[in-house]
Amino acid sequence: MHSLLYSAVLGKDWLALSENVRCAHAAGGELRGVFRITYGAGWAARKLARWSDLPPAAEAAETRLQISSEDAGERWERSFNGAAFTTRQWRGKDGLLVERFGEWEFHFKLRVQEGNLFYDQSGARLCLGACHFPMPRACAPLIFAQEVPDGAARVLVTVTVTLPLVGLLISYEGYLNVKENVP
């Protein structure tokens, strides 16, 4: 099974992804791996990360990812050493990938380069009830994310979130085994 969401967002570029990255996006399977989770060094970054229910810092967090189809998108349930971190993703009206975590909604243009997947953030919104407030880049969290194949059975994932005036909020990087999901 492959990701209907990511193939719809990427269009013809879906097939330009490495097989490992495509397999990592298979809905219905569970991927396992190990991630290093780091908070920013400042007091504000550590407090904001904990207040936001982000996963706790760890050198080698046992990681699980379960992707399931939900409504017109996907539900991404991550577990880092048992700490849940769940987001919803869907295709926006503008064709971009939208990811929602808590009150935050992030918009990404997906880009494929040499089989790797890059998430180029194009916007952020603060969602309070039915009101969605576009955040100026100078105030919004900035996310860098990429997925890179590693050998025949893994995908290396890097995600970094920074905040203006705070700096690094959280980063997590590690690998997911996709061998079980390879068709």
Protein backbone atom coordinates (compact mmCIF):
# COMPACT_ATOMS: atom_id res chain seq x y z
CA MET A 1 0.00 0.00 0.00
CA HIS A 2 1.26 3.51 -0.70
CA SER A 3 0.36 6.95 0.57
CA LEU A 4 -2.54 8.37 -1.38
CA LEU A 5 -1.92 11.68 0.37
CA TYR A 6 1.74 12.07 -0.54
CA SER A 7 1.28 10.76 -4.07
CA ALA A 8 -1.56 13.29 -4.53
CA VAL A 9 0.53 16.18 -3.16
CA LEU A 10 3.67 15.20 -5.10
CA GLY A 11 1.95 14.20 -8.33
CA LYS A 12 4.48 12.97 -10.91
CA ASP A 13 7.32 13.52 -8.41
CA TRP A 14 5.99 10.65 -6.22
CA LEU A 15 7.80 8.13 -8.42
CA ALA A 16 11.03 10.17 -8.22
CA LEU A 17 11.24 9.40 -4.49
CA SER A 18 13.50 6.57 -3.45
CA GLU A 19 11.69 3.32 -2.80
CA ASN A 20 12.59 3.51 0.90
CA VAL A 21 10.96 6.92 1.30
CA ARG A 22 7.84 5.80 -0.58
CA CYS A 23 7.63 2.71 1.66
CA ALA A 24 7.97 4.88 4.78
CA HIS A 25 4.73 6.60 3.76
CA ALA A 26 2.68 3.42 3.50
CA ALA A 27 -0.50 3.88 5.51
CA GLY A 28 -1.41 1.02 7.81
CA GLY A 29 2.06 -0.22 8.70
CA GLU A 30 4.15 0.46 11.77
CA LEU A 31 7.73 1.63 11.39
CA ARG A 32 10.30 1.37 14.15
CA GLY A 33 13.62 3.07 14.69
CA VAL A 34 15.76 5.13 17.02
CA PHE A 35 15.84 8.93 17.28
CA ARG A 36 17.92 11.50 19.11
CA ILE A 37 15.72 14.28 20.48
CA THR A 38 17.28 17.58 21.50
CA TYR A 39 15.76 20.72 23.02
CA GLY A 40 17.18 24.19 22.57
CA ALA A 41 19.76 25.22 25.17
CA GLY A 42 17.82 28.19 26.56
CA TRP A 43 15.35 28.16 29.42
CA ALA A 44 12.53 29.46 27.19
CA ALA A 45 13.08 26.74 24.59
CA ARG A 46 13.00 23.94 27.18
CA LYS A 47 9.86 25.33 28.87
CA LEU A 48 8.04 25.88 25.56
CA ALA A 49 8.93 22.36 24.35
CA ARG A 50 7.53 20.78 27.54
CA TRP A 51 4.48 23.09 27.57
CA SER A 52 3.76 22.11 23.95
CA ASP A 53 3.74 18.38 24.81
CA LEU A 54 6.69 17.74 22.53
CA PRO A 55 8.53 14.47 23.12
CA PRO A 56 11.14 14.54 25.91
CA ALA A 57 14.82 14.90 25.08
CA ALA A 58 16.64 11.58 24.63
CA GLU A 59 19.91 10.32 23.17
CA ALA A 60 18.36 7.14 21.72
CA ALA A 61 14.56 7.12 21.91
CA GLU A 62 12.86 3.93 20.76
CA THR A 63 10.59 5.28 18.05
CA ARG A 64 7.44 3.97 16.42
CA LEU A 65 5.42 5.55 13.64
CA GLN A 66 1.93 4.44 12.68
CA ILE A 67 0.35 6.15 9.66
CA SER A 68 -3.37 5.64 9.16
CA SER A 69 -5.85 7.04 6.66
CA GLU A 70 -8.26 9.49 8.27
CA ASP A 71 -10.97 11.52 6.56
CA ALA A 72 -9.31 13.15 3.55
CA GLY A 73 -5.80 12.78 4.97
CA GLU A 74 -3.63 10.86 7.36
CA ARG A 75 -3.07 10.54 11.09
CA TRP A 76 0.60 10.22 12.09
CA GLU A 77 0.99 8.63 15.51
CA ARG A 78 4.57 8.77 16.69
CA SER A 79 5.87 7.31 19.94
CA PHE A 80 9.28 8.29 21.32
CA ASN A 81 10.15 6.06 24.31
CA GLY A 82 6.41 5.67 24.85
CA ALA A 83 5.64 9.44 24.71
CA ALA A 84 2.92 10.04 22.09
CA PHE A 85 3.24 12.77 19.47
CA THR A 86 0.33 12.78 17.01
CA THR A 87 -0.37 15.03 14.04
CA ARG A 88 -2.92 15.12 11.21
CA GLN A 89 -1.96 15.77 7.61
CA TRP A 90 -4.01 16.56 4.52
CA ARG A 91 -3.77 18.19 1.11
CA GLY A 92 -4.68 21.86 1.26
CA LYS A 93 -6.83 23.61 -1.31
CA ASP A 94 -3.62 25.10 -2.74
CA GLY A 95 -2.17 21.60 -3.24
CA LEU A 96 0.33 21.95 -0.38
CA LEU A 97 0.74 19.47 2.47
CA VAL A 98 -0.90 20.74 5.66
CA GLU A 99 0.09 19.34 9.06
CA ARG A 100 -1.79 20.13 12.27
CA PHE A 101 -0.36 19.76 15.76
CA GLY A 102 -2.38 21.16 18.64
CA GLU A 103 -3.29 24.74 17.76
CA TRP A 104 -0.65 24.98 15.05
CA GLU A 105 -1.13 24.36 11.35
CA PHE A 106 1.89 24.22 9.06
CA HIS A 107 1.90 24.34 5.25
CA PHE A 108 4.65 22.66 3.22
CA LYS A 109 5.62 22.46 -0.41
CA LEU A 110 7.05 18.98 -0.82
CA ARG A 111 10.18 18.78 -2.94
CA VAL A 112 11.98 15.71 -4.28
CA GLN A 113 15.69 15.93 -4.99
CA GLU A 114 17.82 12.89 -5.87
CA GLY A 115 15.21 10.57 -4.32
CA ASN A 116 15.12 12.54 -1.04
CA LEU A 117 12.02 14.28 0.32
CA PHE A 118 12.22 17.86 1.58
CA TYR A 119 9.46 19.74 3.37
CA ASP A 120 9.75 23.44 2.43
CA GLN A 121 7.58 25.39 4.85
CA SER A 122 5.45 28.01 3.16
CA GLY A 123 3.32 29.18 6.06
CA ALA A 124 2.02 28.71 9.59
CA ARG A 125 -1.31 29.42 11.22
CA LEU A 126 -2.42 29.60 14.81
CA CYS A 127 -5.84 27.93 15.07
CA LEU A 128 -8.11 28.92 17.93
CA GLY A 129 -11.49 27.28 17.48
CA ALA A 130 -12.86 28.19 14.07
CA CYS A 131 -10.44 31.13 13.72
CA HIS A 132 -7.21 30.52 11.83
CA PHE A 133 -4.65 33.31 12.08
CA PRO A 134 -1.84 33.36 9.50
CA MET A 135 1.41 34.01 11.33
CA PRO A 136 4.02 36.35 9.88
CA ARG A 137 7.31 34.56 9.28
CA ALA A 138 8.93 36.79 11.90
CA CYS A 139 6.64 35.31 14.60
CA ALA A 140 6.00 31.76 13.41
CA PRO A 141 7.82 28.54 14.23
CA LEU A 142 10.07 27.51 11.35
CA ILE A 143 10.33 23.82 10.49
CA PHE A 144 13.03 22.12 8.47
CA ALA A 145 12.37 18.46 7.62
CA GLN A 146 13.83 15.90 5.27
CA GLU A 147 13.74 12.15 4.60
CA VAL A 148 16.76 10.46 3.03
CA PRO A 149 17.19 6.77 2.14
CA ASP A 150 19.89 4.92 4.09
CA GLY A 151 20.88 1.61 2.57
CA ALA A 152 18.29 -0.93 1.50
CA ALA A 153 16.10 -0.86 4.57
CA ARG A 154 16.09 2.52 6.33
CA VAL A 155 15.09 6.14 6.01
CA LEU A 156 16.95 8.87 7.89
CA VAL A 157 14.61 11.57 9.15
CA THR A 158 15.65 15.03 10.33
CA VAL A 159 13.22 17.57 11.79
CA THR A 160 14.27 20.89 13.33
CA VAL A 161 11.90 23.49 14.79
CA THR A 162 13.16 27.00 15.57
CA LEU A 163 11.39 30.04 16.96
CA PRO A 164 12.22 33.72 16.42
CA LEU A 165 13.97 35.19 19.49
CA VAL A 166 14.20 31.70 21.06
CA GLY A 167 16.27 29.77 18.54
CA LEU A 168 16.14 26.00 18.49
CA LEU A 169 12.98 24.65 20.13
CA ILE A 170 13.41 20.96 19.32
CA SER A 171 15.15 18.73 16.82
CA TYR A 172 14.79 15.06 16.29
CA GLU A 173 16.80 12.92 13.96
CA GLY A 174 17.15 9.24 13.46
CA TYR A 175 16.13 6.34 11.32
CA LEU A 176 13.05 4.29 10.60
CA ASN A 177 13.32 0.72 9.37
CA VAL A 178 11.21 0.23 6.25
CA LYS A 179 12.32 -3.27 5.28
CA GLU A 180 9.05 -4.83 6.45
CA ASN A 181 7.14 -2.34 4.26
CA VAL A 182 9.15 -2.86 1.07
CA PRO A 183 6.83 -4.46 -1.55
